[in-house]
C-alpha atoms as a PDB file:
ATOM      1  CA  MET A   1       0.009  -0.017  -0.015  1.00  0.00           C
ATOM      2  CA  ILE A   2       1.192   3.557  -0.794  1.00  0.00           C
ATOM      3  CA  ASP A   3       0.036   6.495   1.301  1.00  0.00           C
ATOM      4  CA  VAL A   4      -0.231   9.380  -0.945  1.00  0.00           C
ATOM      5  CA  PRO A   5      -0.438  12.828   0.639  1.00  0.00           C
ATOM      6  CA  PRO A   6      -4.038  14.236   0.636  1.00  0.00           C
ATOM      7  CA  VAL A   7      -2.980  17.261  -1.407  1.00  0.00           C
ATOM      8  CA  VAL A   8      -1.351  15.067  -4.109  1.00  0.00           C
ATOM      9  CA  ARG A   9      -4.308  12.722  -4.250  1.00  0.00           C
ATOM     10  CA  ALA A  10      -6.665  15.655  -4.602  1.00  0.00           C
ATOM     11  CA  LYS A  11      -4.556  16.918  -7.444  1.00  0.00           C
ATOM     12  CA  ALA A  12      -4.602  13.579  -9.258  1.00  0.00           C
ATOM     13  CA  ARG A  13      -8.268  13.273  -8.885  1.00  0.00           C
ATOM     14  CA  ARG A  14      -8.832  16.736 -10.523  1.00  0.00           C
ATOM     15  CA  LEU A  15      -7.099  15.429 -13.692  1.00  0.00           C
ATOM     16  CA  GLY A  16      -9.982  13.040 -14.149  1.00  0.00           C
ATOM     17  CA  ARG A  17      -9.717   9.518 -15.529  1.00  0.00           C
ATOM     18  CA  ARG A  18      -5.910   9.878 -16.081  1.00  0.00           C
ATOM     19  CA  GLY A  19      -5.217  10.985 -12.574  1.00  0.00           C
ATOM     20  CA  GLN A  20      -7.339   8.153 -10.962  1.00  0.00           C
ATOM     21  CA  GLN A  21      -5.388   5.612 -13.227  1.00  0.00           C
ATOM     22  CA  TRP A  22      -2.099   7.156 -11.931  1.00  0.00           C
ATOM     23  CA  LEU A  23      -3.117   6.646  -8.305  1.00  0.00           C
ATOM     24  CA  ALA A  24      -4.221   3.063  -9.105  1.00  0.00           C
ATOM     25  CA  ASP A  25      -0.999   2.263 -10.893  1.00  0.00           C
ATOM     26  CA  LEU A  26       1.514   3.994  -8.499  1.00  0.00           C
ATOM     27  CA  PRO A  27       2.512   0.838  -6.481  1.00  0.00           C
ATOM     28  CA  THR A  28       3.358  -0.873  -9.847  1.00  0.00           C
ATOM     29  CA  LEU A  29       5.110   2.271 -11.195  1.00  0.00           C
ATOM     30  CA  VAL A  30       7.408   2.581  -7.991  1.00  0.00           C
ATOM     31  CA  ALA A  31       8.404  -1.102  -8.513  1.00  0.00           C
ATOM     32  CA  GLU A  32       9.155  -0.732 -12.180  1.00  0.00           C
ATOM     33  CA  VAL A  33      11.311   2.440 -11.561  1.00  0.00           C
ATOM     34  CA  GLU A  34      13.201   0.729  -8.705  1.00  0.00           C
ATOM     35  CA  GLN A  35      14.120  -2.001 -11.127  1.00  0.00           C
ATOM     36  CA  ARG A  36      14.820   0.217 -14.072  1.00  0.00           C
ATOM     37  CA  TRP A  37      17.146   2.590 -12.135  1.00  0.00           C
ATOM     38  CA  SER A  38      18.532  -0.038  -9.801  1.00  0.00           C
ATOM     39  CA  VAL A  39      17.251   1.850  -6.601  1.00  0.00           C
ATOM     40  CA  THR A  40      15.766   0.721  -3.373  1.00  0.00           C
ATOM     41  CA  ALA A  41      12.669   2.618  -2.059  1.00  0.00           C
ATOM     42  CA  GLY A  42      12.872   4.158   1.411  1.00  0.00           C
ATOM     43  CA  GLU A  43      10.714   6.518   3.298  1.00  0.00           C
ATOM     44  CA  PRO A  44       8.152   8.851   1.473  1.00  0.00           C
ATOM     45  CA  LEU A  45       8.514  12.634   1.932  1.00  0.00           C
ATOM     46  CA  ASP A  46       5.202  14.235   2.868  1.00  0.00           C
ATOM     47  CA  ARG A  47       5.744  17.904   1.721  1.00  0.00           C
ATOM     48  CA  ALA A  48       5.189  17.238  -1.863  1.00  0.00           C
ATOM     49  CA  THR A  49       2.010  18.854  -3.392  1.00  0.00           C
ATOM     50  CA  SER A  50       2.051  17.431  -7.030  1.00  0.00           C
ATOM     51  CA  ALA A  51       3.948  14.141  -6.864  1.00  0.00           C
ATOM     52  CA  TYR A  52       4.680  11.122  -4.836  1.00  0.00           C
ATOM     53  CA  VAL A  53       8.227  11.590  -3.548  1.00  0.00           C
ATOM     54  CA  LEU A  54      10.407   9.165  -1.599  1.00  0.00           C
ATOM     55  CA  ARG A  55      13.887   8.729  -0.416  1.00  0.00           C
ATOM     56  CA  VAL A  56      15.704   5.996  -2.238  1.00  0.00           C
ATOM     57  CA  ARG A  57      19.217   4.363  -2.191  1.00  0.00           C
ATOM     58  CA  THR A  58      21.080   3.653  -5.527  1.00  0.00           C
ATOM     59  CA  GLY A  59      22.713   0.375  -6.406  1.00  0.00           C
ATOM     60  CA  ASP A  60      26.057   1.820  -5.230  1.00  0.00           C
ATOM     61  CA  GLY A  61      24.770   2.832  -1.900  1.00  0.00           C
ATOM     62  CA  ARG A  62      24.234   6.569  -2.605  1.00  0.00           C
ATOM     63  CA  ALA A  63      21.259   8.507  -1.375  1.00  0.00           C
ATOM     64  CA  ALA A  64      18.857   9.963  -3.979  1.00  0.00           C
ATOM     65  CA  VAL A  65      15.172  11.111  -4.219  1.00  0.00           C
ATOM     66  CA  LEU A  66      12.567   9.652  -6.470  1.00  0.00           C
ATOM     67  CA  LYS A  67       9.840  11.888  -7.583  1.00  0.00           C
ATOM     68  CA  LEU A  68       6.654  10.383  -9.397  1.00  0.00           C
ATOM     69  CA  ALA A  69       4.813  13.458 -10.678  1.00  0.00           C
ATOM     70  CA  VAL A  70       1.032  13.385 -11.335  1.00  0.00           C
ATOM     71  CA  PRO A  71       0.431  13.098 -15.081  1.00  0.00           C
ATOM     72  CA  ASP A  72       0.200  16.831 -15.573  1.00  0.00           C
ATOM     73  CA  PRO A  73       1.197  18.383 -19.016  1.00  0.00           C
ATOM     74  CA  ASP A  74       3.314  20.876 -17.162  1.00  0.00           C
ATOM     75  CA  PHE A  75       5.649  18.193 -16.096  1.00  0.00           C
ATOM     76  CA  LEU A  76       7.525  18.560 -19.435  1.00  0.00           C
ATOM     77  CA  SER A  77       8.422  22.182 -18.641  1.00  0.00           C
ATOM     78  CA  ALA A  78       9.577  21.240 -15.333  1.00  0.00           C
ATOM     79  CA  LEU A  79      11.703  18.444 -16.696  1.00  0.00           C
ATOM     80  CA  ARG A  80      13.205  20.826 -19.471  1.00  0.00           C
ATOM     81  CA  THR A  81      14.194  23.293 -16.763  1.00  0.00           C
ATOM     82  CA  LEU A  82      16.017  20.822 -14.555  1.00  0.00           C
ATOM     83  CA  ARG A  83      17.729  19.213 -17.491  1.00  0.00           C
ATOM     84  CA  LEU A  84      19.069  22.481 -18.916  1.00  0.00           C
ATOM     85  CA  ALA A  85      19.852  24.019 -15.531  1.00  0.00           C
ATOM     86  CA  GLU A  86      22.412  21.204 -14.928  1.00  0.00           C
ATOM     87  CA  GLY A  87      22.211  21.894 -11.310  1.00  0.00           C
ATOM     88  CA  ARG A  88      22.789  25.690 -11.519  1.00  0.00           C
ATOM     89  CA  GLY A  89      20.279  27.094  -8.975  1.00  0.00           C
ATOM     90  CA  TYR A  90      18.228  23.803  -9.066  1.00  0.00           C
ATOM     91  CA  VAL A  91      18.348  20.408  -7.824  1.00  0.00           C
ATOM     92  CA  GLY A  92      20.552  18.078  -9.590  1.00  0.00           C
ATOM     93  CA  LEU A  93      18.832  15.757 -12.073  1.00  0.00           C
ATOM     94  CA  LEU A  94      20.263  12.283 -11.984  1.00  0.00           C
ATOM     95  CA  ALA A  95      17.878  10.438 -14.318  1.00  0.00           C
ATOM     96  CA  HIS A  96      14.376  11.053 -15.847  1.00  0.00           C
ATOM     97  CA  ASP A  97      11.682   9.135 -17.711  1.00  0.00           C
ATOM     98  CA  ALA A  98       9.272  11.625 -19.416  1.00  0.00           C
ATOM     99  CA  GLU A  99       6.775   8.938 -20.105  1.00  0.00           C
ATOM    100  CA  CYS A 100       6.467   7.756 -16.599  1.00  0.00           C
ATOM    101  CA  HIS A 101       6.778  11.378 -15.187  1.00  0.00           C
ATOM    102  CA  ALA A 102       9.563  10.116 -13.049  1.00  0.00           C
ATOM    103  CA  LEU A 103      12.656  12.079 -11.937  1.00  0.00           C
ATOM    104  CA  LEU A 104      15.636  10.891  -9.977  1.00  0.00           C
ATOM    105  CA  LEU A 105      17.200  13.742  -7.943  1.00  0.00           C
ATOM    106  CA  GLU A 106      20.018  14.467  -5.717  1.00  0.00           C
ATOM    107  CA  PRO A 107      19.174  14.439  -2.020  1.00  0.00           C
ATOM    108  CA  LEU A 108      18.850  17.749  -0.172  1.00  0.00           C
ATOM    109  CA  GLY A 109      18.310  18.984   3.248  1.00  0.00           C
ATOM    110  CA  PRO A 110      15.634  21.058   4.997  1.00  0.00           C
ATOM    111  CA  PRO A 111      13.838  23.835   3.065  1.00  0.00           C
ATOM    112  CA  LEU A 112      14.549  27.596   3.860  1.00  0.00           C
ATOM    113  CA  ASP A 113      11.293  28.191   5.580  1.00  0.00           C
ATOM    114  CA  GLN A 114      12.184  25.764   8.356  1.00  0.00           C
ATOM    115  CA  LEU A 115      15.449  27.311   9.471  1.00  0.00           C
ATOM    116  CA  GLY A 116      14.084  30.059  11.520  1.00  0.00           C
ATOM    117  CA  LEU A 117      15.859  32.947   9.455  1.00  0.00           C
ATOM    118  CA  PRO A 118      14.369  36.335   9.423  1.00  0.00           C
ATOM    119  CA  PRO A 119      12.487  37.326   6.242  1.00  0.00           C
ATOM    120  CA  HIS A 120      15.104  39.756   5.080  1.00  0.00           C
ATOM    121  CA  GLN A 121      17.771  37.068   5.200  1.00  0.00           C
ATOM    122  CA  GLN A 122      15.347  34.499   3.412  1.00  0.00           C
ATOM    123  CA  ILE A 123      14.791  37.199   0.629  1.00  0.00           C
ATOM    124  CA  ASP A 124      18.563  37.668   0.226  1.00  0.00           C
ATOM    125  CA  ILE A 125      19.021  34.008  -0.340  1.00  0.00           C
ATOM    126  CA  LEU A 126      16.142  33.576  -2.629  1.00  0.00           C
ATOM    127  CA  CYS A 127      17.343  36.392  -4.862  1.00  0.00           C
ATOM    128  CA  ALA A 128      20.656  34.892  -5.034  1.00  0.00           C
ATOM    129  CA  ILE A 129      19.316  31.661  -6.177  1.00  0.00           C
ATOM    130  CA  LEU A 130      17.033  33.157  -8.675  1.00  0.00           C
ATOM    131  CA  ARG A 131      19.937  35.210 -10.242  1.00  0.00           C
ATOM    132  CA  ARG A 132      21.581  31.805 -10.758  1.00  0.00           C
ATOM    133  CA  ALA A 133      18.432  30.008 -11.943  1.00  0.00           C
ATOM    134  CA  TRP A 134      17.294  32.600 -14.603  1.00  0.00           C
ATOM    135  CA  HIS A 135      20.286  31.496 -16.712  1.00  0.00           C
ATOM    136  CA  VAL A 136      18.299  28.471 -18.022  1.00  0.00           C
ATOM    137  CA  PRO A 137      18.078  29.027 -21.911  1.00  0.00           C
ATOM    138  CA  PRO A 138      14.569  30.077 -22.885  1.00  0.00           C
ATOM    139  CA  PRO A 139      12.812  28.433 -25.838  1.00  0.00           C
ATOM    140  CA  GLU A 140      13.207  29.930 -29.346  1.00  0.00           C
ATOM    141  CA  ALA A 141       9.499  30.902 -29.313  1.00  0.00           C
ATOM    142  CA  ILE A 142       8.496  33.076 -26.425  1.00  0.00           C
ATOM    143  CA  PRO A 143       4.660  32.999 -25.919  1.00  0.00           C
ATOM    144  CA  GLY A 144       2.641  36.206 -25.037  1.00  0.00           C
ATOM    145  CA  PRO A 145       1.509  37.177 -21.593  1.00  0.00           C
ATOM    146  CA  ASP A 146      -0.337  34.042 -21.017  1.00  0.00           C
ATOM    147  CA  LYS A 147       0.490  33.841 -17.173  1.00  0.00           C
ATOM    148  CA  VAL A 148      -0.994  37.219 -16.400  1.00  0.00           C
ATOM    149  CA  ARG A 149      -4.020  36.663 -18.550  1.00  0.00           C
ATOM    150  CA  SER A 150      -4.711  33.315 -16.909  1.00  0.00           C
ATOM    151  CA  LEU A 151      -4.365  34.690 -13.442  1.00  0.00           C
ATOM    152  CA  ALA A 152      -6.866  37.661 -14.331  1.00  0.00           C
ATOM    153  CA  ALA A 153      -9.311  35.344 -15.782  1.00  0.00           C
ATOM    154  CA  MET A 154      -9.006  32.850 -12.765  1.00  0.00           C
ATOM    155  CA  ILE A 155      -9.522  35.874 -10.335  1.00  0.00           C
ATOM    156  CA  GLU A 156     -12.682  36.960 -12.117  1.00  0.00           C
ATOM    157  CA  ARG A 157     -14.116  33.452 -12.303  1.00  0.00           C
ATOM    158  CA  LEU A 158     -13.323  32.343  -8.684  1.00  0.00           C
ATOM    159  CA  TRP A 159     -14.356  35.600  -7.036  1.00  0.00           C
ATOM    160  CA  GLU A 160     -17.787  35.151  -8.393  1.00  0.00           C
ATOM    161  CA  SER A 161     -18.047  31.332  -8.086  1.00  0.00           C
ATOM    162  CA  LEU A 162     -16.786  31.465  -4.403  1.00  0.00           C
ATOM    163  CA  GLY A 163     -19.322  34.180  -3.465  1.00  0.00           C
ATOM    164  CA  ARG A 164     -17.068  37.147  -3.489  1.00  0.00           C
ATOM    165  CA  PRO A 165     -14.859  36.162  -0.524  1.00  0.00           C
ATOM    166  CA  CYS A 166     -12.826  39.368  -0.515  1.00  0.00           C
ATOM    167  CA  SER A 167     -13.575  42.880  -1.330  1.00  0.00           C
ATOM    168  CA  GLU A 168     -14.193  44.362  -4.810  1.00  0.00           C
ATOM    169  CA  ARG A 169     -11.543  46.816  -4.239  1.00  0.00           C
ATOM    170  CA  ALA A 170      -8.980  43.982  -3.808  1.00  0.00           C
ATOM    171  CA  VAL A 171     -10.031  42.303  -6.998  1.00  0.00           C
ATOM    172  CA  ASP A 172     -10.126  45.452  -8.839  1.00  0.00           C
ATOM    173  CA  ARG A 173      -6.694  46.416  -7.817  1.00  0.00           C
ATOM    174  CA  ALA A 174      -5.439  42.940  -8.793  1.00  0.00           C
ATOM    175  CA  LEU A 175      -7.005  43.034 -12.173  1.00  0.00           C
ATOM    176  CA  GLU A 176      -5.489  46.625 -12.592  1.00  0.00           C
ATOM    177  CA  CYS A 177      -1.928  44.965 -11.753  1.00  0.00           C
ATOM    178  CA  ALA A 178      -2.642  42.304 -14.317  1.00  0.00           C
ATOM    179  CA  ALA A 179      -3.465  44.872 -17.073  1.00  0.00           C
ATOM    180  CA  LEU A 180      -0.313  46.835 -16.287  1.00  0.00           C
ATOM    181  CA  ARG A 181       1.920  43.685 -16.525  1.00  0.00           C
ATOM    182  CA  ALA A 182       0.251  42.540 -19.728  1.00  0.00           C
ATOM    183  CA  ALA A 183       0.813  45.968 -21.295  1.00  0.00           C
ATOM    184  CA  ALA A 184       4.490  45.896 -20.246  1.00  0.00           C
ATOM    185  CA  PHE A 185       5.173  42.504 -21.513  1.00  0.00           C
ATOM    186  CA  ASP A 186       8.412  42.267 -23.550  1.00  0.00           C
ATOM    187  CA  PRO A 187       9.709  38.963 -24.921  1.00  0.00           C
ATOM    188  CA  ALA A 188      13.354  40.466 -24.946  1.00  0.00           C
ATOM    189  CA  ARG A 189      13.185  40.627 -21.036  1.00  0.00           C
ATOM    190  CA  CYS A 190      11.800  37.124 -20.533  1.00  0.00           C
ATOM    191  CA  VAL A 191      13.738  34.372 -18.857  1.00  0.00           C
ATOM    192  CA  VAL A 192      12.701  30.939 -17.737  1.00  0.00           C
ATOM    193  CA  VAL A 193      11.122  31.533 -14.250  1.00  0.00           C
ATOM    194  CA  HIS A 194      10.904  29.132 -11.641  1.00  0.00           C
ATOM    195  CA  GLY A 195       7.230  30.054 -11.082  1.00  0.00           C
ATOM    196  CA  ASP A 196       6.856  29.286  -7.490  1.00  0.00           C
ATOM    197  CA  PRO A 197      10.116  30.327  -5.679  1.00  0.00           C
ATOM    198  CA  HIS A 198       8.832  30.456  -2.132  1.00  0.00           C
ATOM    199  CA  PRO A 199      11.162  29.564   0.738  1.00  0.00           C
ATOM    200  CA  GLY A 200       9.578  25.982   0.998  1.00  0.00           C
ATOM    201  CA  ASN A 201      10.960  25.361  -2.550  1.00  0.00           C
ATOM    202  CA  ALA A 202      14.391  26.304  -1.650  1.00  0.00           C
ATOM    203  CA  LEU A 203      16.154  23.416  -0.064  1.00  0.00           C
ATOM    204  CA  ARG A 204      19.622  23.249   1.572  1.00  0.00           C
ATOM    205  CA  ALA A 205      22.331  21.435  -0.474  1.00  0.00           C
ATOM    206  CA  THR A 206      23.864  18.665   1.419  1.00  0.00           C
ATOM    207  CA  ALA A 207      27.449  19.589   0.421  1.00  0.00           C
ATOM    208  CA  PRO A 208      29.153  22.534  -1.449  1.00  0.00           C
ATOM    209  CA  ARG A 209      29.100  22.171  -5.191  1.00  0.00           C
ATOM    210  CA  PRO A 210      28.922  24.346  -8.345  1.00  0.00           C
ATOM    211  CA  GLY A 211      25.654  25.832  -8.880  1.00  0.00           C
ATOM    212  CA  ALA A 212      24.659  25.841  -5.323  1.00  0.00           C
ATOM    213  CA  GLU A 213      26.935  28.705  -4.110  1.00  0.00           C
ATOM    214  CA  THR A 214      24.245  30.032  -1.746  1.00  0.00           C
ATOM    215  CA  GLY A 215      24.006  26.781  -0.041  1.00  0.00           C
ATOM    216  CA  PHE A 216      20.483  26.239  -1.425  1.00  0.00           C
ATOM    217  CA  VAL A 217      18.829  25.272  -4.607  1.00  0.00           C
ATOM    218  CA  PHE A 218      15.256  25.307  -6.034  1.00  0.00           C
ATOM    219  CA  VAL A 219      12.833  22.183  -6.532  1.00  0.00           C
ATOM    220  CA  ASP A 220       9.735  21.917  -8.339  1.00  0.00           C
ATOM    221  CA  PRO A 221      10.089  24.460 -11.187  1.00  0.00           C
ATOM    222  CA  ASP A 222       7.165  25.341 -13.324  1.00  0.00           C
ATOM    223  CA  GLY A 223       9.565  26.563 -15.810  1.00  0.00           C
ATOM    224  CA  PHE A 224       7.702  28.881 -18.099  1.00  0.00           C
ATOM    225  CA  THR A 225       8.872  32.185 -19.616  1.00  0.00           C
ATOM    226  CA  ASP A 226       8.280  35.498 -18.333  1.00  0.00           C
ATOM    227  CA  GLU A 227       9.789  38.572 -16.876  1.00  0.00           C
ATOM    228  CA  PRO A 228      12.072  38.154 -13.784  1.00  0.00           C
ATOM    229  CA  ALA A 229       9.574  40.351 -11.768  1.00  0.00           C
ATOM    230  CA  TYR A 230       7.032  37.488 -11.881  1.00  0.00           C
ATOM    231  CA  ASP A 231       9.225  35.236  -9.640  1.00  0.00           C
ATOM    232  CA  LEU A 232       9.997  38.212  -7.305  1.00  0.00           C
ATOM    233  CA  GLY A 233       6.404  38.909  -7.084  1.00  0.00           C
ATOM    234  CA  VAL A 234       5.834  35.330  -5.845  1.00  0.00           C
ATOM    235  CA  VAL A 235       8.492  35.987  -3.310  1.00  0.00           C
ATOM    236  CA  LEU A 236       6.708  39.264  -2.211  1.00  0.00           C
ATOM    237  CA  ARG A 237       3.285  37.546  -1.902  1.00  0.00           C
ATOM    238  CA  GLY A 238       4.404  35.599   1.105  1.00  0.00           C
ATOM    239  CA  TRP A 239       5.217  36.795   4.667  1.00  0.00           C
ATOM    240  CA  CYS A 240       1.546  36.894   5.707  1.00  0.00           C
ATOM    241  CA  PRO A 241       2.080  36.417   9.381  1.00  0.00           C
ATOM    242  CA  GLU A 242       4.606  39.192   9.542  1.00  0.00           C
ATOM    243  CA  LEU A 243       2.298  41.607   7.563  1.00  0.00           C
ATOM    244  CA  LEU A 244      -0.697  40.822   9.600  1.00  0.00           C
ATOM    245  CA  ALA A 245       1.183  41.399  12.919  1.00  0.00           C
ATOM    246  CA  ALA A 246       2.849  44.679  11.661  1.00  0.00           C
ATOM    247  CA  ASP A 247       1.719  48.149  12.774  1.00  0.00           C
ATOM    248  CA  ASP A 248       2.422  49.342   9.223  1.00  0.00           C
ATOM    249  CA  ALA A 249       1.693  46.364   6.870  1.00  0.00           C
ATOM    250  CA  VAL A 250       2.127  48.621   3.699  1.00  0.00           C
ATOM    251  CA  GLY A 251       5.545  49.910   4.897  1.00  0.00           C
ATOM    252  CA  LEU A 252       6.860  46.384   5.811  1.00  0.00           C
ATOM    253  CA  ALA A 253       5.554  45.061   2.398  1.00  0.00           C
ATOM    254  CA  ARG A 254       7.375  48.037   0.666  1.00  0.00           C
ATOM    255  CA  SER A 255      10.632  47.181   2.506  1.00  0.00           C
ATOM    256  CA  TYR A 256      10.501  43.619   1.279  1.00  0.00           C
ATOM    257  CA  CYS A 257       9.784  44.825  -2.211  1.00  0.00           C
ATOM    258  CA  ALA A 258      12.658  47.414  -2.075  1.00  0.00           C
ATOM    259  CA  LEU A 259      15.001  44.606  -0.966  1.00  0.00           C
ATOM    260  CA  LEU A 260      13.997  42.380  -3.943  1.00  0.00           C
ATOM    261  CA  ALA A 261      14.582  45.269  -6.304  1.00  0.00           C
ATOM    262  CA  GLU A 262      17.885  46.015  -4.803  1.00  0.00           C
ATOM    263  CA  ARG A 263      19.203  42.595  -4.866  1.00  0.00           C
ATOM    264  CA  THR A 264      18.220  41.808  -8.384  1.00  0.00           C
ATOM    265  CA  GLY A 265      18.059  45.090 -10.322  1.00  0.00           C
ATOM    266  CA  VAL A 266      14.422  44.497 -11.346  1.00  0.00           C
ATOM    267  CA  ASP A 267      11.870  47.281 -11.232  1.00  0.00           C
ATOM    268  CA  ALA A 268      10.187  47.672  -7.842  1.00  0.00           C
ATOM    269  CA  ARG A 269       6.778  48.726  -9.340  1.00  0.00           C
ATOM    270  CA  ALA A 270       6.661  45.547 -11.473  1.00  0.00           C
ATOM    271  CA  ILE A 271       7.538  43.464  -8.481  1.00  0.00           C
ATOM    272  CA  TRP A 272       4.803  45.024  -6.542  1.00  0.00           C
ATOM    273  CA  GLU A 273       2.191  44.462  -9.159  1.00  0.00           C
ATOM    274  CA  TRP A 274       2.986  40.910  -9.697  1.00  0.00           C
ATOM    275  CA  GLY A 275       2.966  40.417  -5.790  1.00  0.00           C
ATOM    276  CA  PHE A 276      -0.339  41.826  -5.310  1.00  0.00           C
ATOM    277  CA  LEU A 277      -1.755  39.936  -8.266  1.00  0.00           C
ATOM    278  CA  GLU A 278      -0.295  36.731  -6.834  1.00  0.00           C
ATOM    279  CA  ARG A 279      -1.471  37.452  -3.291  1.00  0.00           C
ATOM    280  CA  VAL A 280      -5.136  37.639  -4.515  1.00  0.00           C
ATOM    281  CA  SER A 281      -5.070  34.776  -7.195  1.00  0.00           C
ATOM    282  CA  THR A 282      -3.318  32.386  -4.565  1.00  0.00           C
ATOM    283  CA  GLY A 283      -5.805  33.218  -1.791  1.00  0.00           C
ATOM    284  CA  LEU A 284      -8.899  32.477  -4.241  1.00  0.00           C
ATOM    285  CA  TYR A 285      -7.046  29.400  -5.745  1.00  0.00           C
ATOM    286  CA  LEU A 286      -6.588  27.896  -2.206  1.00  0.00           C
ATOM    287  CA  LEU A 287      -9.938  28.725  -1.210  1.00  0.00           C
ATOM    288  CA  ASP A 288     -11.381  27.041  -4.266  1.00  0.00           C
ATOM    289  CA  HIS A 289      -9.361  23.941  -3.212  1.00  0.00           C
ATOM    290  CA  GLY A 290     -10.846  23.893   0.206  1.00  0.00           C
ATOM    291  CA  ALA A 291      -7.765  25.197   2.033  1.00  0.00           C
ATOM    292  CA  GLU A 292      -9.501  27.947   3.876  1.00  0.00           C
ATOM    293  CA  ALA A 293      -6.994  28.234   6.570  1.00  0.00           C
ATOM    294  CA  LEU A 294      -4.169  28.632   4.012  1.00  0.00           C
ATOM    295  CA  ALA A 295      -6.231  31.072   1.902  1.00  0.00           C
ATOM    296  CA  ARG A 296      -7.458  33.532   4.282  1.00  0.00           C
ATOM    297  CA  PRO A 297      -3.987  35.193   5.269  1.00  0.00           C
ATOM    298  CA  TYR A 298      -3.319  35.898   1.667  1.00  0.00           C
ATOM    299  CA  LEU A 299      -6.755  37.635   1.170  1.00  0.00           C
ATOM    300  CA  GLU A 300      -6.629  39.403   4.490  1.00  0.00           C
ATOM    301  CA  THR A 301      -3.068  40.868   3.541  1.00  0.00           C
ATOM    302  CA  ALA A 302      -4.451  41.853   0.171  1.00  0.00           C
ATOM    303  CA  GLU A 303      -7.152  43.863   1.844  1.00  0.00           C
ATOM    304  CA  LEU A 304      -4.543  45.633   4.001  1.00  0.00           C
ATOM    305  CA  LEU A 305      -2.435  46.480   0.962  1.00  0.00           C
ATOM    306  CA  ALA A 306      -5.373  47.568  -1.321  1.00  0.00           C
ATOM    307  CA  LYS A 307      -6.657  49.955   1.243  1.00  0.00           C
ATOM    308  CA  ALA A 308      -3.552  51.945   0.539  1.00  0.00           C
ATOM    309  CA  THR A 309      -3.666  51.550  -3.222  1.00  0.00           C
ATOM    310  CA  ALA A 310      -2.500  55.137  -4.062  1.00  0.00           C
ATOM    311  CA  SER A 311       0.533  55.134  -1.768  1.00  0.00           C
ATOM    312  CA  ALA A 312       1.430  51.485  -1.544  1.00  0.00           C
ATOM    313  CA  ALA A 313       3.089  50.803  -4.964  1.00  0.00           C
ATOM    314  CA  PRO A 314       6.634  51.986  -5.194  1.00  0.00           C
ATOM    315  CA  GLU A 315       7.639  54.714  -7.477  1.00  0.00           C
END
């Protein structure tokens, strides 16, 4: 029997028949990959959200991690990113099987969000990893502003279907940010972004190596092309406990945004706009998936920042 984390099981089921079949076939798939790559399965890791992940031991006794992703089409973008990164800013890829959605990865230590570091230090580290990770070669054909359009459409749809769980002001501000980022889209500025570079996706390297100069590398890339400000906006969308506890949430958020801009040379206003858009869209997305306890801090902080719309965005 395989105990799949609830969030992974839910994601597989949302894929319909294909996801249900993946769940049913998972024990057989683990056994097949064990034999093909000469690895021995160990304990599962429970932090995954879109894959069954477990520790394994290779035939020559080395530790590794086996990741069996749900059969989502986005897997190929993640695989391309890890393959072309060659460990620079990302977890090392030891083997892969695109048909089985299987990855054999280097073992890593704890994530950045479990080390008790203050937000500004975590932001410093995330920016340093991103500057390394953005060197993955982009595809020859750069699509248009698909991400921002999809986020705007999701916000409009979910806000209505969920019974308008946040203020119209917050939604209007998020959609305004989306329109601004779509209008500013420039293929020449695009990089392969991680897509979700929060502290939980930055894990400590177990030993010094080229490509992990910060001591940390990213896992679980989405690997699509967009402006670097997108990734930095994802970083900015976090820190909900700190913002909710602050006497001046806007001022604190602006200090985080200024640090992100300073460490990367990316325009602060673009980071702010992506951050607000991501804050609202993430809250609604989590609420739609039944994770109200996780969703509410995003929406509550969005309300705090939306109240200061005129003065909040950096110049």
